[in-house]
N, C-alpha and C. Protein backbone atom coordinates (compact mmCIF):
# COMPACT_ATOMS: atom_id res chain seq x y z
N MET A 1 77.68 59.24 95.10
CA MET A 1 77.30 59.40 93.97
C MET A 1 78.81 58.96 93.06
N ALA A 2 78.92 60.49 93.31
CA ALA A 2 80.70 59.80 92.37
C ALA A 2 81.24 58.53 92.79
N GLU A 3 81.01 58.09 93.51
CA GLU A 3 81.77 57.06 93.68
C GLU A 3 81.08 55.89 93.17
N GLY A 4 79.98 56.41 92.78
CA GLY A 4 79.28 55.14 92.09
C GLY A 4 78.64 53.72 93.38
N THR A 5 78.83 54.17 94.41
CA THR A 5 77.99 53.64 95.55
C THR A 5 76.30 54.06 96.00
N PHE A 6 75.67 54.82 95.32
CA PHE A 6 74.55 55.31 95.74
C PHE A 6 74.23 56.11 94.25
N ARG A 7 72.87 55.51 94.11
CA ARG A 7 71.99 55.37 92.30
C ARG A 7 71.67 56.59 92.56
N SER A 8 72.08 57.44 91.57
CA SER A 8 71.74 59.24 90.73
C SER A 8 70.46 59.51 91.10
N ASP A 9 69.42 58.32 90.22
CA ASP A 9 68.44 59.03 90.09
C ASP A 9 67.27 58.82 91.59
N LEU A 10 68.15 57.66 92.55
CA LEU A 10 67.30 57.62 93.60
C LEU A 10 67.79 58.91 94.59
N PHE A 11 69.31 59.55 94.81
CA PHE A 11 69.31 60.44 94.73
C PHE A 11 68.67 62.01 94.44
N TYR A 12 68.25 62.12 93.24
CA TYR A 12 67.47 63.29 92.92
C TYR A 12 65.84 63.36 93.61
N ARG A 13 66.00 61.78 93.68
CA ARG A 13 64.66 61.69 94.11
C ARG A 13 64.24 62.25 95.50
N LEU A 14 65.03 61.91 96.18
CA LEU A 14 65.72 62.49 98.14
C LEU A 14 66.01 63.16 98.16
N ASN A 15 66.62 63.86 97.39
CA ASN A 15 67.16 65.10 97.50
C ASN A 15 66.24 66.51 96.96
N VAL A 16 65.03 67.01 97.53
CA VAL A 16 64.27 67.69 96.91
C VAL A 16 64.77 69.39 98.10
N ILE A 17 64.78 69.09 98.98
CA ILE A 17 65.44 70.14 99.88
C ILE A 17 66.78 69.68 100.56
N SER A 18 67.99 70.50 100.43
CA SER A 18 69.01 70.06 101.34
C SER A 18 69.27 71.19 102.46
N THR A 19 69.55 70.48 103.26
CA THR A 19 69.67 71.13 104.83
C THR A 19 70.85 71.16 105.57
N ARG A 20 71.77 72.10 105.71
CA ARG A 20 72.93 71.65 106.23
C ARG A 20 72.75 71.66 107.96
N VAL A 21 72.86 70.26 108.57
CA VAL A 21 72.72 70.36 110.54
C VAL A 21 74.10 70.71 111.00
N PRO A 22 74.45 71.13 111.24
CA PRO A 22 75.69 71.60 111.96
C PRO A 22 76.04 70.61 113.19
N PRO A 23 76.88 70.08 113.21
CA PRO A 23 77.31 69.19 114.22
C PRO A 23 76.87 69.78 115.64
N LEU A 24 76.58 69.23 116.97
CA LEU A 24 76.26 69.60 118.28
C LEU A 24 77.64 70.31 118.83
N ARG A 25 78.74 70.00 118.38
CA ARG A 25 80.25 70.80 118.34
C ARG A 25 79.85 71.66 118.05
N GLU A 26 79.22 72.58 116.95
CA GLU A 26 79.17 73.49 116.47
C GLU A 26 78.09 74.66 117.40
N ARG A 27 77.53 74.05 118.02
CA ARG A 27 76.28 74.71 118.58
C ARG A 27 76.13 74.44 119.87
N MET A 28 76.85 74.70 121.11
CA MET A 28 76.54 74.41 122.16
C MET A 28 75.46 75.13 122.88
N GLU A 29 75.13 76.09 122.30
CA GLU A 29 74.32 77.00 122.88
C GLU A 29 72.77 75.84 122.83
N ASP A 30 73.04 74.79 122.09
CA ASP A 30 71.54 73.62 122.55
C ASP A 30 71.68 72.99 123.16
N ILE A 31 72.73 72.86 123.87
CA ILE A 31 72.84 71.47 124.83
C ILE A 31 71.97 71.92 125.84
N PRO A 32 72.03 73.11 126.34
CA PRO A 32 70.56 73.27 127.76
C PRO A 32 69.55 72.83 127.31
N ILE A 33 69.18 73.53 126.16
CA ILE A 33 67.89 73.43 125.36
C ILE A 33 67.21 71.25 125.23
N LEU A 34 68.56 70.96 124.73
CA LEU A 34 68.44 69.20 124.25
C LEU A 34 68.12 68.60 125.54
N VAL A 35 69.12 68.97 126.34
CA VAL A 35 69.44 68.47 127.98
C VAL A 35 67.78 68.58 128.34
N TYR A 36 67.20 69.58 128.65
CA TYR A 36 66.11 69.90 129.23
C TYR A 36 65.15 68.58 128.52
N ASP A 37 64.92 69.06 127.13
CA ASP A 37 64.07 68.18 126.26
C ASP A 37 63.79 66.46 126.53
N PHE A 38 65.00 65.80 126.41
CA PHE A 38 65.67 64.92 126.99
C PHE A 38 64.92 64.14 128.70
N LEU A 39 65.44 65.20 129.35
CA LEU A 39 65.05 65.08 130.45
C LEU A 39 63.56 64.86 131.16
N LYS A 40 62.88 65.70 130.36
CA LYS A 40 61.40 65.27 130.80
C LYS A 40 60.89 64.33 129.57
N GLU A 41 61.65 63.63 128.33
CA GLU A 41 61.03 63.15 127.65
C GLU A 41 61.39 61.67 128.44
N PHE A 42 62.57 61.21 129.02
CA PHE A 42 63.00 60.26 129.87
C PHE A 42 62.45 59.97 131.02
N SER A 43 62.33 60.89 131.61
CA SER A 43 61.61 61.15 132.98
C SER A 43 60.26 60.87 133.38
N SER A 44 59.47 61.11 131.95
CA SER A 44 58.38 60.98 131.39
C SER A 44 58.27 59.22 131.31
N ILE A 45 58.94 58.35 130.64
CA ILE A 45 59.13 57.08 130.24
C ILE A 45 59.45 56.34 131.07
N TYR A 46 60.30 56.62 132.11
CA TYR A 46 60.63 56.09 133.23
C TYR A 46 60.18 56.30 134.58
N ASN A 47 59.11 57.03 134.25
CA ASN A 47 58.17 57.50 135.92
C ASN A 47 59.10 57.80 136.81
N LYS A 48 59.73 59.00 136.37
CA LYS A 48 60.71 59.38 137.01
C LYS A 48 60.74 61.08 137.56
N SER A 49 61.18 61.61 138.27
CA SER A 49 60.57 63.18 138.44
C SER A 49 62.06 63.47 138.07
N ILE A 50 61.50 64.76 137.30
CA ILE A 50 62.85 65.50 136.40
C ILE A 50 63.78 66.29 137.64
N PRO A 51 65.31 65.50 137.22
CA PRO A 51 66.45 66.21 137.98
C PRO A 51 66.74 67.89 138.20
N THR A 52 66.85 68.75 139.21
CA THR A 52 67.46 69.67 139.18
C THR A 52 69.20 69.35 138.42
N ILE A 53 69.46 70.33 137.41
CA ILE A 53 70.66 70.11 137.03
C ILE A 53 71.60 71.58 137.17
N HIS A 54 72.67 71.36 137.92
CA HIS A 54 73.50 72.62 137.99
C HIS A 54 74.45 73.09 137.28
N GLN A 55 74.39 73.95 137.09
CA GLN A 55 75.17 75.09 136.35
C GLN A 55 76.76 74.23 135.46
N GLU A 56 77.70 73.43 136.90
CA GLU A 56 78.99 72.80 136.25
C GLU A 56 78.37 71.83 135.05
N VAL A 57 77.46 71.34 135.25
CA VAL A 57 77.12 69.96 134.47
C VAL A 57 77.06 70.55 132.96
N PHE A 58 76.38 71.51 132.99
CA PHE A 58 76.19 72.49 131.43
C PHE A 58 77.84 73.14 130.76
N ASN A 59 78.61 73.46 131.67
CA ASN A 59 80.11 73.68 131.32
C ASN A 59 80.79 72.52 131.28
N ARG A 60 80.23 71.02 132.12
CA ARG A 60 81.24 69.62 131.60
C ARG A 60 80.62 69.86 130.64
N LEU A 61 78.86 69.47 129.93
CA LEU A 61 78.94 69.06 128.76
C LEU A 61 79.28 70.08 127.60
N CYS A 62 79.58 70.97 127.87
CA CYS A 62 79.96 71.76 126.59
C CYS A 62 81.20 72.04 126.74
N GLU A 63 82.42 71.28 127.30
CA GLU A 63 83.66 70.98 127.03
C GLU A 63 84.03 69.89 126.31
N TYR A 64 82.56 69.12 126.40
CA TYR A 64 83.50 67.74 125.78
C TYR A 64 82.63 67.77 124.15
N ASN A 65 83.22 66.96 123.45
CA ASN A 65 83.38 67.26 121.36
C ASN A 65 82.15 66.50 120.78
N TRP A 66 81.38 65.85 121.14
CA TRP A 66 79.98 65.16 121.34
C TRP A 66 80.46 63.97 119.75
N PRO A 67 81.34 63.51 119.66
CA PRO A 67 81.25 62.61 118.60
C PRO A 67 80.54 61.96 117.96
N GLY A 68 79.46 61.53 118.78
CA GLY A 68 78.17 60.72 118.43
C GLY A 68 77.04 61.77 118.34
N ASN A 69 77.34 63.13 118.40
CA ASN A 69 76.42 64.29 118.24
C ASN A 69 75.24 64.10 119.14
N ILE A 70 74.15 64.28 118.45
CA ILE A 70 73.00 64.65 119.75
C ILE A 70 72.56 62.94 119.96
N ARG A 71 73.17 62.25 119.25
CA ARG A 71 72.28 60.86 119.42
C ARG A 71 73.03 60.29 121.05
N GLU A 72 74.46 60.71 120.84
CA GLU A 72 75.21 60.37 122.10
C GLU A 72 75.05 61.41 123.44
N LEU A 73 74.73 62.65 123.02
CA LEU A 73 73.78 63.23 124.37
C LEU A 73 72.80 62.82 124.87
N ARG A 74 71.88 62.46 123.50
CA ARG A 74 70.56 61.51 123.91
C ARG A 74 70.77 60.46 124.71
N ASN A 75 71.56 59.49 124.74
CA ASN A 75 72.04 58.67 125.34
C ASN A 75 72.65 58.71 126.43
N LEU A 76 73.22 59.36 127.09
CA LEU A 76 73.98 60.11 127.95
C LEU A 76 72.52 60.47 128.90
N ILE A 77 72.13 61.44 128.64
CA ILE A 77 70.52 61.78 129.32
C ILE A 77 69.70 60.40 129.72
N GLU A 78 69.49 59.46 128.97
CA GLU A 78 68.85 58.04 129.40
C GLU A 78 69.44 57.57 130.29
N ARG A 79 70.76 57.31 130.03
CA ARG A 79 71.28 56.54 131.27
C ARG A 79 71.65 57.54 132.60
N MET A 80 71.67 58.72 132.79
CA MET A 80 71.32 59.33 133.53
C MET A 80 70.05 59.19 134.52
N VAL A 81 69.02 59.08 133.53
CA VAL A 81 67.63 59.47 134.50
C VAL A 81 67.35 57.62 135.20
N VAL A 82 67.92 56.83 134.08
CA VAL A 82 67.70 55.51 134.46
C VAL A 82 68.49 55.12 135.66
N LEU A 83 69.78 55.48 135.70
CA LEU A 83 71.21 55.12 136.60
C LEU A 83 70.85 56.06 137.83
N HIS A 84 70.47 57.21 138.01
CA HIS A 84 70.76 58.42 138.77
C HIS A 84 69.84 58.44 139.71
N GLU A 85 70.24 58.39 141.01
CA GLU A 85 69.58 58.35 142.31
C GLU A 85 69.30 59.81 142.44
N GLY A 86 68.17 60.43 143.08
CA GLY A 86 68.61 61.69 144.04
C GLY A 86 67.67 62.78 142.83
N ASN A 87 67.35 63.98 143.37
CA ASN A 87 66.78 64.51 142.64
C ASN A 87 67.67 65.87 142.28
N GLU A 88 68.90 65.72 142.20
CA GLU A 88 70.00 66.75 142.10
C GLU A 88 71.23 66.32 141.02
N ILE A 89 71.92 66.73 140.02
CA ILE A 89 72.37 66.02 139.44
C ILE A 89 73.75 66.94 139.21
N PHE A 90 75.00 66.83 139.45
CA PHE A 90 76.35 67.23 139.83
C PHE A 90 77.03 67.20 138.81
N GLU A 91 78.35 67.68 138.68
CA GLU A 91 79.10 67.73 137.68
C GLU A 91 80.00 66.12 137.94
N GLN A 92 79.90 65.55 139.16
CA GLN A 92 80.75 64.54 139.46
C GLN A 92 79.78 63.35 139.07
N ASP A 93 78.15 63.41 138.69
CA ASP A 93 77.49 62.27 138.15
C ASP A 93 77.44 62.60 136.61
N ILE A 94 77.88 63.53 135.84
CA ILE A 94 78.07 63.29 134.32
C ILE A 94 79.16 63.43 134.08
N ASN A 95 80.51 63.27 135.04
CA ASN A 95 81.56 62.80 134.87
C ASN A 95 82.09 61.27 134.36
N GLN A 96 80.74 59.96 135.53
CA GLN A 96 80.68 59.13 135.86
C GLN A 96 80.47 58.35 134.02
N LEU A 97 79.39 59.53 133.66
CA LEU A 97 78.81 58.66 132.73
C LEU A 97 79.26 58.95 131.18
N LEU A 98 80.27 60.10 131.15
CA LEU A 98 80.99 60.43 130.15
C LEU A 98 81.77 59.45 129.61
N PRO A 99 82.27 59.22 128.24
CA PRO A 99 83.55 58.06 127.74
C PRO A 99 84.61 58.20 128.76
N ASN A 100 85.35 56.95 129.21
CA ASN A 100 86.50 57.40 129.56
C ASN A 100 87.48 58.24 128.65
N LYS A 101 87.66 58.02 127.23
CA LYS A 101 88.39 58.42 126.43
C LYS A 101 87.71 59.75 126.19
N MET A 102 87.49 60.94 126.47
CA MET A 102 87.01 62.18 126.69
C MET A 102 87.53 63.22 125.54
N VAL A 103 87.18 63.65 124.40
CA VAL A 103 87.49 64.28 123.38
C VAL A 103 87.18 65.38 123.69
N SER A 104 87.66 66.57 124.51
CA SER A 104 87.12 67.82 124.52
C SER A 104 87.52 68.78 123.34
N SER A 105 86.67 69.62 123.20
CA SER A 105 86.79 70.66 122.27
C SER A 105 87.65 71.28 122.34
N LYS A 106 88.29 71.84 123.24
CA LYS A 106 88.75 72.83 123.37
C LYS A 106 90.41 72.12 123.65
N SER A 107 90.94 71.03 123.77
CA SER A 107 91.85 70.27 123.71
C SER A 107 91.76 69.35 122.10
N PHE A 108 91.72 69.84 121.26
CA PHE A 108 91.62 69.07 120.06
C PHE A 108 92.55 68.51 119.48
N ASN A 109 93.93 69.42 119.70
CA ASN A 109 95.24 69.38 119.15
C ASN A 109 95.92 68.41 120.27
N SER A 110 95.49 68.03 121.14
CA SER A 110 96.32 66.82 122.01
C SER A 110 96.05 65.93 121.20
N ILE A 111 96.51 64.75 122.01
CA ILE A 111 96.22 63.52 121.64
C ILE A 111 94.85 62.80 121.81
N THR A 112 94.36 62.76 120.28
CA THR A 112 92.80 62.12 120.02
C THR A 112 92.99 61.27 119.54
N PRO A 113 91.93 60.04 119.93
CA PRO A 113 91.89 58.81 119.11
C PRO A 113 91.14 58.98 117.50
N SER A 114 91.72 57.99 116.86
CA SER A 114 91.68 57.94 115.31
C SER A 114 89.72 58.34 115.04
N LEU A 115 89.49 58.49 113.97
CA LEU A 115 88.15 58.38 113.75
C LEU A 115 87.60 57.09 113.65
N THR A 116 88.47 55.43 113.17
CA THR A 116 87.89 54.66 113.59
C THR A 116 87.87 54.00 114.89
N GLU A 117 88.96 54.44 115.66
CA GLU A 117 88.78 54.02 117.34
C GLU A 117 87.66 54.34 118.32
N GLU A 118 87.45 56.05 117.61
CA GLU A 118 86.20 56.37 117.84
C GLU A 118 84.64 55.87 117.46
N LYS A 119 84.59 55.28 116.43
CA LYS A 119 83.53 54.72 116.07
C LYS A 119 83.53 52.98 116.48
N GLU A 120 84.38 52.60 116.87
CA GLU A 120 84.83 51.29 117.41
C GLU A 120 84.16 51.62 118.89
N SER A 121 84.35 52.25 119.53
CA SER A 121 84.48 52.76 120.57
C SER A 121 82.91 52.77 120.83
N LEU A 122 82.37 53.94 120.25
CA LEU A 122 80.89 53.95 120.51
C LEU A 122 80.32 52.92 119.59
N GLU A 123 80.34 51.86 118.78
CA GLU A 123 79.90 50.80 118.40
C GLU A 123 79.64 50.14 119.46
N ARG A 124 81.38 49.47 120.45
CA ARG A 124 80.85 48.94 121.34
C ARG A 124 80.10 48.92 122.44
N GLU A 125 80.09 50.22 122.78
CA GLU A 125 79.52 51.02 123.94
C GLU A 125 77.68 51.06 123.52
N ARG A 126 77.50 50.75 122.52
CA ARG A 126 75.81 51.04 121.97
C ARG A 126 75.18 49.56 122.00
N ILE A 127 76.56 48.27 121.56
CA ILE A 127 76.03 47.12 121.64
C ILE A 127 76.30 46.60 122.81
N LEU A 128 76.66 47.01 124.18
CA LEU A 128 76.95 46.84 125.12
C LEU A 128 75.28 47.29 125.53
N GLN A 129 74.89 48.39 125.42
CA GLN A 129 74.01 49.08 125.98
C GLN A 129 72.82 48.15 125.65
N THR A 130 72.39 47.96 124.46
CA THR A 130 71.15 47.38 124.24
C THR A 130 70.77 45.86 124.48
N LEU A 131 72.42 44.96 124.54
CA LEU A 131 72.42 43.82 125.07
C LEU A 131 71.95 43.82 126.63
N GLU A 132 72.44 44.95 127.28
CA GLU A 132 71.85 44.95 128.53
C GLU A 132 70.09 45.28 128.85
N LYS A 133 70.02 46.45 127.77
CA LYS A 133 68.92 46.61 127.73
C LYS A 133 67.67 45.34 127.00
N THR A 134 67.66 44.63 126.81
CA THR A 134 67.19 43.49 125.83
C THR A 134 67.75 42.39 126.66
N TYR A 135 67.97 42.28 128.10
CA TYR A 135 68.39 41.29 129.63
C TYR A 135 69.13 40.17 128.27
N ARG A 136 70.26 40.82 127.66
CA ARG A 136 71.37 40.07 126.74
C ARG A 136 71.08 39.24 125.63
N ASN A 137 69.38 39.21 125.25
CA ASN A 137 69.04 38.28 124.32
C ASN A 137 69.82 39.11 123.37
N LYS A 138 69.91 38.24 122.11
CA LYS A 138 71.40 38.51 121.04
C LYS A 138 70.33 38.75 119.53
N SER A 139 69.25 37.90 119.63
CA SER A 139 68.01 38.26 118.45
C SER A 139 67.43 39.16 118.36
N ILE A 140 67.38 39.92 119.56
CA ILE A 140 66.45 41.28 119.46
C ILE A 140 67.54 42.22 119.65
N THR A 141 68.40 42.22 120.25
CA THR A 141 69.97 42.93 120.20
C THR A 141 70.10 43.37 118.78
N ALA A 142 69.90 42.13 117.96
CA ALA A 142 70.37 42.08 116.63
C ALA A 142 69.62 42.99 116.12
N LYS A 143 68.53 42.36 116.35
CA LYS A 143 66.93 43.24 115.17
C LYS A 143 67.39 44.87 115.97
N GLU A 144 66.99 45.34 116.99
CA GLU A 144 67.15 46.63 117.81
C GLU A 144 68.55 47.41 116.96
N LEU A 145 69.70 46.81 116.65
CA LEU A 145 71.08 47.54 115.96
C LEU A 145 70.84 47.38 114.82
N GLY A 146 69.62 46.54 113.96
CA GLY A 146 69.68 46.79 112.37
C GLY A 146 70.84 45.78 111.68
N MET A 147 71.09 44.46 112.38
CA MET A 147 71.98 43.78 111.79
C MET A 147 71.39 42.31 111.48
N SER A 148 72.22 41.72 111.51
CA SER A 148 72.34 40.10 111.26
C SER A 148 72.95 39.34 113.11
N ARG A 149 71.86 38.62 113.17
CA ARG A 149 72.66 38.27 114.69
C ARG A 149 74.01 37.84 114.14
N ALA A 150 74.48 37.27 113.04
CA ALA A 150 75.94 36.68 112.88
C ALA A 150 76.77 37.79 112.77
N THR A 151 76.36 39.16 112.10
CA THR A 151 77.27 40.03 112.28
C THR A 151 77.14 40.63 113.99
N LEU A 152 76.16 40.51 114.62
CA LEU A 152 76.21 41.01 116.43
C LEU A 152 77.32 39.96 116.58
N TYR A 153 76.97 38.68 116.33
CA TYR A 153 78.46 37.99 116.90
C TYR A 153 79.69 38.30 116.50
N LYS A 154 79.80 38.52 115.73
CA LYS A 154 81.58 38.85 114.70
C LYS A 154 81.89 39.82 115.46
N LYS A 155 81.02 41.09 115.76
CA LYS A 155 81.22 42.56 116.29
C LYS A 155 81.50 41.98 117.93
N MET A 156 80.97 41.15 118.65
CA MET A 156 80.68 41.02 120.02
C MET A 156 82.18 40.21 119.96
N LYS A 157 82.74 39.34 119.12
CA LYS A 157 84.06 38.54 119.47
C LYS A 157 85.13 39.75 119.18
N LYS A 158 84.74 40.62 118.15
CA LYS A 158 85.37 41.70 117.44
C LYS A 158 86.09 42.53 119.29
N TYR A 159 85.48 43.00 119.67
CA TYR A 159 85.14 43.97 120.86
C TYR A 159 85.47 43.11 122.41
N GLY A 160 85.16 41.83 122.20
CA GLY A 160 85.60 41.30 123.16
C GLY A 160 84.59 41.17 124.15
N ILE A 161 83.36 41.80 123.59
CA ILE A 161 82.02 41.16 124.45
C ILE A 161 81.42 39.66 124.84
N SER A 162 81.42 38.99 125.83
CA SER A 162 81.04 37.56 125.85
C SER A 162 79.78 37.58 126.99
N PHE A 163 78.53 37.49 126.61
CA PHE A 163 77.33 37.14 127.34
C PHE A 163 76.68 35.92 126.86
N THR A 164 76.61 35.25 128.15
CA THR A 164 75.50 33.73 127.62
C THR A 164 74.23 34.12 128.16
N LYS A 165 73.49 33.67 127.57
CA LYS A 165 72.35 33.04 127.10
C LYS A 165 71.65 32.31 126.01
């Protein structure tokens, strides 16, 4: 509102009750609960049995900084349910699914990607996931991502994504 990019009358209509929800990295104790909820949800959707998760997996998940917040955790669990074979999940299974540029909350003072780099990395990953999910159909992908087809093409060019169909 202060920058003039959001209408003040609309803000006051929407801002009936303000609640601050801290980011996932500030409430690591929620990770096991969320993981089990997401496992149940996606196991049901994909008609798979709920796998056993070993403690080192939770330890590893609690070390991660979660720049994408709960959505990133949800996507990771969905990928795990879809891609994982077997009834047990070990730390190495999670390591394969976490982004290559892992930002640990414990090593936050070390070299970390800029916010723009993280955003672009997450955006590229989301576009790739949606393209795979829609069998490379760009019209449906653009619709699911909430952007025009032209914008999708620009972003695909920007990130070097080349799918033909």
